[in-house]
């Protein structure tokens, strides 16, 4: 089979759950847009909101509310934006383009990571943990679109996930932070 046909055959195919060799989300690391490794263990004791982001999506204005969420709860919360280009090719830019877009258009100063795959055969370990019960111990989910949010407790457990239409300052999310 030629490489293009092989690639097309993988589209739509679910990735089987893979048990990660980690005890918790705190054993996972991810790179920033600048290539610096961030260990999620540095956020122990804080809530974490992890959201896959894209600059050319109808939900992109949520960057502003994500920044408000970060500013409002900065003492007990870390927002982490994870660029992804798997939904409608809505995050085509390189690291510098993404960083400039976030700062210039939305004043974002919360953590933005490297661009990763949030689903499929190249799914980043962070999203393997977030989406697979075998890893997070709570539930299986799938990332449906850009700006899907995952809320992690200060103890490192998955509290819940929220589809794109749920705004960052929604009571569904902030009730856990108050």
N, C-alpha and C. Protein backbone atom coordinates (compact mmCIF):
# COMPACT_ATOMS: atom_id res chain seq x y z
N UNK A 1 0.87 -1.18 0.00
CA UNK A 1 0.00 0.00 0.00
C UNK A 1 0.90 1.23 0.00
N UNK A 2 0.56 2.21 -0.86
CA UNK A 2 1.39 3.41 -0.88
C UNK A 2 1.16 4.24 0.37
N UNK A 3 2.10 5.13 0.73
CA UNK A 3 2.01 5.89 1.99
C UNK A 3 0.74 6.73 2.12
N UNK A 4 0.28 7.32 1.03
CA UNK A 4 -0.93 8.15 1.09
C UNK A 4 -2.14 7.28 1.43
N UNK A 5 -2.28 6.13 0.77
CA UNK A 5 -3.40 5.24 1.06
C UNK A 5 -3.31 4.71 2.50
N UNK A 6 -2.11 4.44 2.97
CA UNK A 6 -1.94 3.97 4.34
C UNK A 6 -2.38 5.05 5.33
N UNK A 7 -2.00 6.29 5.04
CA UNK A 7 -2.41 7.40 5.91
C UNK A 7 -3.92 7.56 5.91
N UNK A 8 -4.53 7.55 4.74
CA UNK A 8 -5.99 7.71 4.63
C UNK A 8 -6.70 6.58 5.37
N UNK A 9 -6.14 5.39 5.34
CA UNK A 9 -6.75 4.25 6.04
C UNK A 9 -6.75 4.46 7.56
N UNK A 10 -5.80 5.27 8.07
CA UNK A 10 -5.75 5.50 9.52
C UNK A 10 -6.73 6.57 9.96
N UNK A 11 -7.19 7.40 9.05
CA UNK A 11 -8.12 8.46 9.42
C UNK A 11 -9.42 7.86 9.93
N UNK A 12 -9.90 8.39 11.02
CA UNK A 12 -11.15 7.90 11.58
C UNK A 12 -10.99 6.66 12.44
N UNK A 13 -9.84 6.05 12.39
CA UNK A 13 -9.59 4.85 13.18
C UNK A 13 -9.30 5.26 14.62
N UNK A 14 -9.94 4.65 15.56
CA UNK A 14 -9.69 4.95 16.97
C UNK A 14 -8.38 4.32 17.41
N UNK A 15 -7.67 5.06 18.23
CA UNK A 15 -6.45 4.55 18.81
C UNK A 15 -6.82 3.70 20.02
N UNK A 16 -6.33 2.46 20.08
CA UNK A 16 -6.66 1.64 21.25
C UNK A 16 -6.04 2.26 22.50
N UNK A 17 -6.71 2.12 23.65
CA UNK A 17 -6.15 2.67 24.89
C UNK A 17 -4.76 2.10 25.14
N UNK A 18 -3.89 2.97 25.59
CA UNK A 18 -2.53 2.57 25.89
C UNK A 18 -2.23 2.96 27.32
N UNK A 19 -1.91 1.98 28.15
CA UNK A 19 -1.57 2.26 29.54
C UNK A 19 -0.21 2.94 29.57
N UNK A 20 -0.21 4.17 30.06
CA UNK A 20 1.02 4.92 30.18
C UNK A 20 1.83 4.41 31.36
N UNK A 21 3.12 4.58 31.29
CA UNK A 21 4.00 4.19 32.38
C UNK A 21 4.17 5.38 33.33
N UNK A 22 3.03 5.87 33.84
CA UNK A 22 3.03 7.00 34.78
C UNK A 22 2.05 6.67 35.91
N UNK A 23 2.31 7.25 37.08
CA UNK A 23 1.42 7.04 38.21
C UNK A 23 0.32 8.10 38.23
N UNK A 24 0.64 9.29 37.73
CA UNK A 24 -0.35 10.37 37.74
C UNK A 24 -0.03 11.38 36.64
N UNK A 25 -0.90 12.35 36.49
CA UNK A 25 -0.67 13.42 35.52
C UNK A 25 0.62 14.17 35.85
N UNK A 26 1.02 14.14 37.12
CA UNK A 26 2.23 14.84 37.54
C UNK A 26 3.52 14.19 37.04
N UNK A 27 3.41 13.01 36.45
CA UNK A 27 4.57 12.34 35.87
C UNK A 27 4.73 12.66 34.39
N UNK A 28 3.87 13.54 33.87
CA UNK A 28 3.88 13.89 32.45
C UNK A 28 4.52 15.26 32.27
N UNK A 29 5.24 15.43 31.18
CA UNK A 29 5.80 16.73 30.84
C UNK A 29 5.41 17.06 29.41
N UNK A 30 5.49 18.35 29.10
CA UNK A 30 5.18 18.84 27.76
C UNK A 30 6.05 20.06 27.52
N UNK A 31 6.38 20.31 26.29
CA UNK A 31 7.22 21.47 25.98
C UNK A 31 6.39 22.72 25.77
N UNK A 32 6.98 23.86 26.10
CA UNK A 32 6.36 25.15 25.82
C UNK A 32 6.54 25.46 24.33
N UNK A 33 5.95 26.55 23.89
CA UNK A 33 6.14 26.98 22.50
C UNK A 33 7.62 27.28 22.22
N UNK A 34 8.35 27.65 23.26
CA UNK A 34 9.77 27.98 23.10
C UNK A 34 10.67 26.74 23.24
N UNK A 35 10.06 25.57 23.45
CA UNK A 35 10.83 24.32 23.52
C UNK A 35 11.32 23.95 24.91
N UNK A 36 10.93 24.70 25.94
CA UNK A 36 11.34 24.39 27.31
C UNK A 36 10.40 23.33 27.87
N UNK A 37 10.95 22.32 28.53
CA UNK A 37 10.15 21.26 29.13
C UNK A 37 9.48 21.75 30.40
N UNK A 38 8.18 21.49 30.51
CA UNK A 38 7.41 21.81 31.71
C UNK A 38 6.92 20.51 32.32
N UNK A 39 7.32 20.26 33.55
CA UNK A 39 6.81 19.10 34.28
C UNK A 39 5.51 19.50 34.94
N UNK A 40 4.44 18.76 34.68
CA UNK A 40 3.15 19.10 35.28
C UNK A 40 3.18 18.99 36.80
N UNK A 41 4.18 18.31 37.33
CA UNK A 41 4.31 18.22 38.80
C UNK A 41 4.54 19.59 39.42
N UNK A 42 4.98 20.55 38.63
CA UNK A 42 5.19 21.90 39.16
C UNK A 42 3.86 22.58 39.50
N UNK A 43 2.74 21.97 39.11
CA UNK A 43 1.42 22.53 39.41
C UNK A 43 0.68 21.75 40.50
N UNK A 44 1.40 20.86 41.20
CA UNK A 44 0.78 20.15 42.33
C UNK A 44 0.22 21.17 43.30
N UNK A 45 -0.99 20.89 43.80
CA UNK A 45 -1.62 21.80 44.74
C UNK A 45 -2.47 22.87 44.08
N UNK A 46 -2.49 22.91 42.76
CA UNK A 46 -3.32 23.87 42.02
C UNK A 46 -4.29 23.11 41.12
N UNK A 47 -5.41 23.74 40.82
CA UNK A 47 -6.27 23.24 39.77
C UNK A 47 -5.55 23.50 38.45
N UNK A 48 -5.82 22.67 37.46
CA UNK A 48 -5.27 22.88 36.12
C UNK A 48 -6.44 22.78 35.14
N UNK A 49 -6.54 23.74 34.24
CA UNK A 49 -7.46 23.65 33.11
C UNK A 49 -6.59 23.47 31.87
N UNK A 50 -6.79 22.36 31.19
CA UNK A 50 -6.05 22.07 29.97
C UNK A 50 -7.03 22.16 28.82
N UNK A 51 -6.69 22.96 27.81
CA UNK A 51 -7.60 23.21 26.71
C UNK A 51 -6.83 23.19 25.39
N UNK A 52 -7.32 22.42 24.43
CA UNK A 52 -6.69 22.42 23.11
C UNK A 52 -7.18 23.66 22.36
N UNK A 53 -6.24 24.44 21.85
CA UNK A 53 -6.55 25.74 21.27
C UNK A 53 -6.17 25.80 19.80
N UNK A 54 -6.79 26.77 19.11
CA UNK A 54 -6.51 27.00 17.69
C UNK A 54 -6.82 28.46 17.37
N UNK A 55 -6.03 29.06 16.53
CA UNK A 55 -6.16 30.50 16.26
C UNK A 55 -7.19 30.85 15.19
N UNK A 56 -7.65 29.87 14.43
CA UNK A 56 -8.58 30.17 13.34
C UNK A 56 -9.92 29.45 13.53
N UNK A 57 -10.37 29.36 14.77
CA UNK A 57 -11.58 28.63 15.12
C UNK A 57 -12.65 29.60 15.57
N UNK A 58 -13.90 29.23 15.40
CA UNK A 58 -14.99 30.06 15.88
C UNK A 58 -14.98 30.23 17.39
N UNK A 59 -14.32 29.33 18.11
CA UNK A 59 -14.21 29.43 19.57
C UNK A 59 -12.96 30.18 20.02
N UNK A 60 -12.14 30.65 19.09
CA UNK A 60 -10.89 31.33 19.43
C UNK A 60 -11.08 32.51 20.39
N UNK A 61 -12.19 33.28 20.31
CA UNK A 61 -12.37 34.35 21.29
C UNK A 61 -12.37 33.87 22.75
N UNK A 62 -12.47 32.55 22.98
CA UNK A 62 -12.39 32.03 24.35
C UNK A 62 -11.02 32.27 24.97
N UNK A 63 -10.00 32.57 24.16
CA UNK A 63 -8.70 32.93 24.72
C UNK A 63 -8.86 34.04 25.76
N UNK A 64 -9.69 35.02 25.45
CA UNK A 64 -9.88 36.16 26.35
C UNK A 64 -10.45 35.69 27.70
N UNK A 65 -11.44 34.81 27.65
CA UNK A 65 -12.04 34.30 28.88
C UNK A 65 -11.11 33.33 29.61
N UNK A 66 -10.30 32.60 28.87
CA UNK A 66 -9.30 31.75 29.51
C UNK A 66 -8.30 32.59 30.29
N UNK A 67 -7.92 33.74 29.72
CA UNK A 67 -7.02 34.64 30.42
C UNK A 67 -7.69 35.22 31.66
N UNK A 68 -8.98 35.54 31.54
CA UNK A 68 -9.73 36.04 32.69
C UNK A 68 -9.81 34.98 33.79
N UNK A 69 -10.03 33.73 33.39
CA UNK A 69 -10.06 32.62 34.35
C UNK A 69 -8.72 32.52 35.06
N UNK A 70 -7.63 32.58 34.30
CA UNK A 70 -6.29 32.52 34.89
C UNK A 70 -6.05 33.68 35.86
N UNK A 71 -6.42 34.88 35.44
CA UNK A 71 -6.20 36.07 36.28
C UNK A 71 -7.05 36.01 37.55
N UNK A 72 -8.29 35.57 37.42
CA UNK A 72 -9.22 35.55 38.56
C UNK A 72 -8.79 34.54 39.62
N UNK A 73 -8.29 33.38 39.19
CA UNK A 73 -7.96 32.30 40.12
C UNK A 73 -6.47 31.99 40.15
N UNK A 74 -5.63 32.97 39.83
CA UNK A 74 -4.19 32.74 39.66
C UNK A 74 -3.50 32.08 40.86
N UNK A 75 -4.03 32.29 42.05
CA UNK A 75 -3.40 31.70 43.24
C UNK A 75 -3.66 30.20 43.37
N UNK A 76 -4.69 29.71 42.68
CA UNK A 76 -5.01 28.29 42.83
C UNK A 76 -5.28 27.57 41.51
N UNK A 77 -4.92 28.22 40.39
CA UNK A 77 -5.23 27.65 39.07
C UNK A 77 -4.11 27.92 38.09
N UNK A 78 -3.88 26.94 37.21
CA UNK A 78 -3.01 27.15 36.05
C UNK A 78 -3.77 26.73 34.81
N UNK A 79 -3.93 27.67 33.87
CA UNK A 79 -4.51 27.36 32.57
C UNK A 79 -3.36 26.97 31.64
N UNK A 80 -3.57 25.90 30.90
CA UNK A 80 -2.58 25.45 29.92
C UNK A 80 -3.27 25.31 28.57
N UNK A 81 -2.85 26.12 27.62
CA UNK A 81 -3.36 26.05 26.25
C UNK A 81 -2.47 25.13 25.43
N UNK A 82 -3.09 24.19 24.73
CA UNK A 82 -2.35 23.20 23.95
C UNK A 82 -2.75 23.34 22.47
N UNK A 83 -1.94 24.03 21.66
CA UNK A 83 -2.28 24.17 20.25
C UNK A 83 -2.37 22.81 19.54
N UNK A 84 -3.35 22.73 18.67
CA UNK A 84 -3.60 21.49 17.93
C UNK A 84 -4.15 21.86 16.55
N UNK A 85 -3.70 21.17 15.53
CA UNK A 85 -4.14 21.44 14.16
C UNK A 85 -4.95 20.29 13.59
N UNK A 86 -5.60 19.51 14.45
CA UNK A 86 -6.32 18.31 13.99
C UNK A 86 -7.78 18.55 13.66
N UNK A 87 -8.28 19.73 13.89
CA UNK A 87 -9.70 20.01 13.64
C UNK A 87 -9.81 21.14 12.62
N UNK A 88 -10.06 20.78 11.38
CA UNK A 88 -10.24 21.77 10.33
C UNK A 88 -8.99 22.57 10.00
N UNK A 89 -7.81 22.05 10.33
CA UNK A 89 -6.55 22.77 10.07
C UNK A 89 -6.61 24.21 10.57
N UNK A 90 -7.15 24.38 11.79
CA UNK A 90 -7.38 25.72 12.32
C UNK A 90 -6.23 26.25 13.17
N UNK A 91 -5.13 25.51 13.24
CA UNK A 91 -3.92 26.00 13.89
C UNK A 91 -2.71 25.66 13.03
N UNK A 92 -2.61 26.31 11.85
CA UNK A 92 -1.55 25.97 10.91
C UNK A 92 -0.20 26.61 11.23
N UNK A 93 -0.16 27.60 12.11
CA UNK A 93 1.06 28.36 12.34
C UNK A 93 2.15 27.61 13.09
N UNK A 94 3.36 28.17 12.99
CA UNK A 94 4.48 27.65 13.77
C UNK A 94 4.46 28.28 15.16
N UNK A 95 5.40 27.90 16.00
CA UNK A 95 5.41 28.35 17.39
C UNK A 95 5.42 29.87 17.51
N UNK A 96 6.24 30.54 16.72
CA UNK A 96 6.34 32.00 16.80
C UNK A 96 5.03 32.66 16.38
N UNK A 97 4.40 32.14 15.34
CA UNK A 97 3.12 32.68 14.87
C UNK A 97 2.04 32.52 15.94
N UNK A 98 1.99 31.34 16.55
CA UNK A 98 0.99 31.07 17.59
C UNK A 98 1.20 32.01 18.77
N UNK A 99 2.45 32.14 19.22
CA UNK A 99 2.75 32.99 20.37
C UNK A 99 2.37 34.44 20.09
N UNK A 100 2.75 34.95 18.94
CA UNK A 100 2.43 36.33 18.58
C UNK A 100 0.93 36.55 18.51
N UNK A 101 0.22 35.61 17.90
CA UNK A 101 -1.24 35.71 17.77
C UNK A 101 -1.89 35.81 19.15
N UNK A 102 -1.50 34.92 20.06
CA UNK A 102 -2.11 34.89 21.40
C UNK A 102 -1.84 36.17 22.17
N UNK A 103 -0.61 36.66 22.11
CA UNK A 103 -0.25 37.87 22.85
C UNK A 103 -0.91 39.11 22.25
N UNK A 104 -0.80 39.26 20.94
CA UNK A 104 -1.30 40.47 20.29
C UNK A 104 -2.82 40.57 20.31
N UNK A 105 -3.50 39.47 20.06
CA UNK A 105 -4.95 39.51 19.92
C UNK A 105 -5.71 39.32 21.22
N UNK A 106 -5.11 38.61 22.19
CA UNK A 106 -5.86 38.29 23.40
C UNK A 106 -5.11 38.56 24.70
N UNK A 107 -3.90 39.07 24.63
CA UNK A 107 -3.13 39.36 25.83
C UNK A 107 -2.83 38.15 26.68
N UNK A 108 -2.70 37.00 26.04
CA UNK A 108 -2.50 35.74 26.75
C UNK A 108 -1.11 35.70 27.40
N UNK A 109 -1.08 35.42 28.70
CA UNK A 109 0.20 35.17 29.35
C UNK A 109 0.20 33.85 30.13
N UNK A 110 -0.88 33.06 30.00
CA UNK A 110 -0.85 31.73 30.60
C UNK A 110 -0.02 30.81 29.71
N UNK A 111 0.28 29.64 30.21
CA UNK A 111 1.16 28.71 29.50
C UNK A 111 0.52 28.22 28.20
N UNK A 112 1.26 28.38 27.12
CA UNK A 112 0.90 27.79 25.82
C UNK A 112 2.01 26.80 25.48
N UNK A 113 1.61 25.58 25.17
CA UNK A 113 2.58 24.52 24.90
C UNK A 113 2.89 24.44 23.40
N UNK A 114 3.76 23.51 23.11
CA UNK A 114 4.04 23.15 21.73
C UNK A 114 2.75 22.62 21.09
N UNK A 115 2.69 22.64 19.77
CA UNK A 115 1.55 22.08 19.06
C UNK A 115 1.67 20.55 19.09
N UNK A 116 0.58 19.87 19.48
CA UNK A 116 0.59 18.41 19.60
C UNK A 116 -0.67 17.80 19.00
N UNK A 117 -0.65 16.49 18.87
CA UNK A 117 -1.83 15.74 18.49
C UNK A 117 -2.60 15.39 19.76
N UNK A 118 -3.91 15.67 19.76
CA UNK A 118 -4.76 15.37 20.92
C UNK A 118 -5.59 14.11 20.70
N UNK A 119 -5.46 13.52 19.54
CA UNK A 119 -6.15 12.27 19.23
C UNK A 119 -5.35 11.53 18.17
N UNK A 120 -5.69 10.27 17.96
CA UNK A 120 -5.04 9.50 16.90
C UNK A 120 -3.76 8.81 17.33
N UNK A 121 -3.08 8.24 16.35
CA UNK A 121 -1.91 7.41 16.62
C UNK A 121 -0.73 8.19 17.19
N UNK A 122 -0.68 9.50 16.96
CA UNK A 122 0.41 10.32 17.49
C UNK A 122 -0.02 11.14 18.71
N UNK A 123 -1.10 10.73 19.37
CA UNK A 123 -1.63 11.45 20.52
C UNK A 123 -0.55 11.65 21.59
N UNK A 124 -0.42 12.88 22.03
CA UNK A 124 0.56 13.20 23.08
C UNK A 124 0.18 12.47 24.38
N UNK A 125 1.17 12.04 25.16
CA UNK A 125 0.88 11.35 26.42
C UNK A 125 -0.06 12.13 27.35
N UNK A 126 0.01 13.46 27.34
CA UNK A 126 -0.90 14.24 28.18
C UNK A 126 -2.34 13.93 27.80
N UNK A 127 -2.62 13.88 26.50
CA UNK A 127 -3.99 13.60 26.06
C UNK A 127 -4.33 12.11 26.16
N UNK A 128 -3.34 11.24 26.15
CA UNK A 128 -3.62 9.83 26.45
C UNK A 128 -4.11 9.72 27.89
N UNK A 129 -3.49 10.49 28.78
CA UNK A 129 -3.92 10.48 30.18
C UNK A 129 -5.30 11.11 30.32
N UNK A 130 -5.52 12.26 29.69
CA UNK A 130 -6.79 12.96 29.83
C UNK A 130 -7.97 12.17 29.27
N UNK A 131 -7.77 11.44 28.19
CA UNK A 131 -8.90 10.84 27.47
C UNK A 131 -9.11 9.34 27.73
N UNK A 132 -8.21 8.71 28.46
CA UNK A 132 -8.33 7.26 28.64
C UNK A 132 -8.44 6.88 30.12
N UNK A 133 -9.55 6.24 30.44
CA UNK A 133 -9.81 5.81 31.82
C UNK A 133 -8.69 4.92 32.35
N UNK A 134 -8.10 4.13 31.48
CA UNK A 134 -7.01 3.25 31.90
C UNK A 134 -5.87 4.07 32.51
N UNK A 135 -5.77 5.35 32.14
CA UNK A 135 -4.72 6.23 32.65
C UNK A 135 -5.21 7.21 33.72
N UNK A 136 -6.39 7.81 33.49
CA UNK A 136 -6.86 8.84 34.44
C UNK A 136 -7.72 8.27 35.56
N UNK A 137 -8.16 7.02 35.42
CA UNK A 137 -8.93 6.36 36.47
C UNK A 137 -10.36 6.83 36.61
N UNK A 138 -10.82 7.73 35.73
CA UNK A 138 -12.16 8.30 35.88
C UNK A 138 -13.08 7.98 34.71
N UNK A 139 -12.66 8.32 33.48
CA UNK A 139 -13.56 8.15 32.34
C UNK A 139 -12.79 8.16 31.03
N UNK A 140 -13.40 7.57 30.02
CA UNK A 140 -12.91 7.66 28.65
C UNK A 140 -13.63 8.83 27.98
N UNK A 141 -12.88 9.64 27.26
CA UNK A 141 -13.46 10.74 26.50
C UNK A 141 -12.78 10.79 25.14
N UNK A 142 -13.31 11.62 24.28
CA UNK A 142 -12.60 11.91 23.04
C UNK A 142 -12.68 13.41 22.82
N UNK A 143 -11.64 13.95 22.26
CA UNK A 143 -11.62 15.38 21.98
C UNK A 143 -12.41 15.58 20.70
N UNK A 144 -13.51 16.34 20.82
CA UNK A 144 -14.43 16.51 19.70
C UNK A 144 -14.07 17.68 18.80
N UNK A 145 -13.47 18.76 19.38
CA UNK A 145 -13.17 19.96 18.60
C UNK A 145 -12.22 20.83 19.41
N UNK A 146 -11.79 21.92 18.81
CA UNK A 146 -10.94 22.88 19.49
C UNK A 146 -11.65 23.46 20.71
N UNK A 147 -10.87 23.83 21.70
CA UNK A 147 -11.33 24.47 22.94
C UNK A 147 -12.15 23.55 23.85
N UNK A 148 -11.88 22.24 23.77
CA UNK A 148 -12.43 21.33 24.76
C UNK A 148 -11.54 21.43 26.00
N UNK A 149 -12.18 21.48 27.17
CA UNK A 149 -11.46 21.76 28.40
C UNK A 149 -11.49 20.55 29.34
N UNK A 150 -10.37 20.35 30.05
CA UNK A 150 -10.25 19.32 31.08
C UNK A 150 -9.84 19.99 32.37
N UNK A 151 -10.56 19.70 33.45
CA UNK A 151 -10.27 20.27 34.76
C UNK A 151 -9.65 19.22 35.66
N UNK A 152 -8.48 19.54 36.18
CA UNK A 152 -7.72 18.65 37.06
C UNK A 152 -7.72 19.23 38.46
N UNK A 153 -7.89 18.38 39.47
CA UNK A 153 -7.92 18.83 40.86
C UNK A 153 -6.50 19.14 41.35
N UNK A 154 -6.40 19.84 42.48
CA UNK A 154 -5.07 20.10 43.07
C UNK A 154 -4.32 18.82 43.45
N UNK A 155 -5.04 17.72 43.58
CA UNK A 155 -4.41 16.43 43.89
C UNK A 155 -4.02 15.65 42.63
N UNK A 156 -4.34 16.21 41.45
CA UNK A 156 -3.95 15.57 40.20
C UNK A 156 -4.96 14.61 39.62
N UNK A 157 -6.21 14.67 40.08
CA UNK A 157 -7.24 13.80 39.52
C UNK A 157 -8.10 14.56 38.52
N UNK A 158 -8.61 13.84 37.55
CA UNK A 158 -9.52 14.44 36.58
C UNK A 158 -10.86 14.70 37.25
N UNK A 159 -11.29 15.96 37.24
CA UNK A 159 -12.59 16.32 37.82
C UNK A 159 -13.67 16.15 36.77
N UNK A 160 -13.46 16.76 35.60
CA UNK A 160 -14.47 16.70 34.54
C UNK A 160 -13.88 17.27 33.26
N UNK A 161 -14.63 17.13 32.19
CA UNK A 161 -14.25 17.74 30.91
C UNK A 161 -15.46 18.47 30.37
N UNK A 162 -15.20 19.45 29.50
CA UNK A 162 -16.25 20.33 29.00
C UNK A 162 -16.02 20.55 27.51
N UNK A 163 -17.09 20.38 26.74
CA UNK A 163 -16.98 20.59 25.30
C UNK A 163 -16.76 22.06 24.97
N UNK A 164 -16.43 22.32 23.75
CA UNK A 164 -16.05 23.65 23.28
C UNK A 164 -17.03 24.75 23.62
N UNK A 165 -18.32 24.46 23.57
CA UNK A 165 -19.34 25.49 23.80
C UNK A 165 -19.38 25.97 25.25
N UNK A 166 -18.79 25.20 26.18
CA UNK A 166 -18.75 25.63 27.58
C UNK A 166 -17.68 26.72 27.71
N UNK A 167 -18.12 27.90 28.11
CA UNK A 167 -17.20 29.03 28.24
C UNK A 167 -16.30 28.83 29.46
N UNK A 168 -15.07 29.33 29.38
CA UNK A 168 -14.13 29.14 30.49
C UNK A 168 -14.62 29.65 31.84
N UNK A 169 -15.40 30.73 31.88
CA UNK A 169 -15.89 31.27 33.14
C UNK A 169 -17.27 30.70 33.52
N UNK A 170 -17.67 29.65 32.85
CA UNK A 170 -18.96 29.00 33.15
C UNK A 170 -19.00 28.51 34.60
N UNK A 171 -20.18 28.56 35.18
CA UNK A 171 -20.34 28.05 36.55
C UNK A 171 -20.02 26.56 36.61
N UNK A 172 -20.15 25.85 35.51
CA UNK A 172 -19.79 24.43 35.48
C UNK A 172 -18.32 24.23 35.88
N UNK A 173 -17.50 25.19 35.51
CA UNK A 173 -16.07 25.12 35.81
C UNK A 173 -15.75 25.83 37.12
N UNK A 174 -16.17 27.09 37.25
CA UNK A 174 -15.74 27.90 38.40
C UNK A 174 -16.32 27.42 39.73
N UNK A 175 -17.39 26.66 39.70
CA UNK A 175 -17.94 26.15 40.97
C UNK A 175 -16.90 25.29 41.69
N UNK A 176 -16.03 24.65 40.94
CA UNK A 176 -14.99 23.83 41.54
C UNK A 176 -13.85 24.67 42.13
N UNK A 177 -13.70 25.88 41.61
CA UNK A 177 -12.59 26.74 42.00
C UNK A 177 -12.93 27.64 43.19
N UNK A 178 -14.22 27.83 43.44
CA UNK A 178 -14.64 28.73 44.53
C UNK A 178 -14.64 28.03 45.88
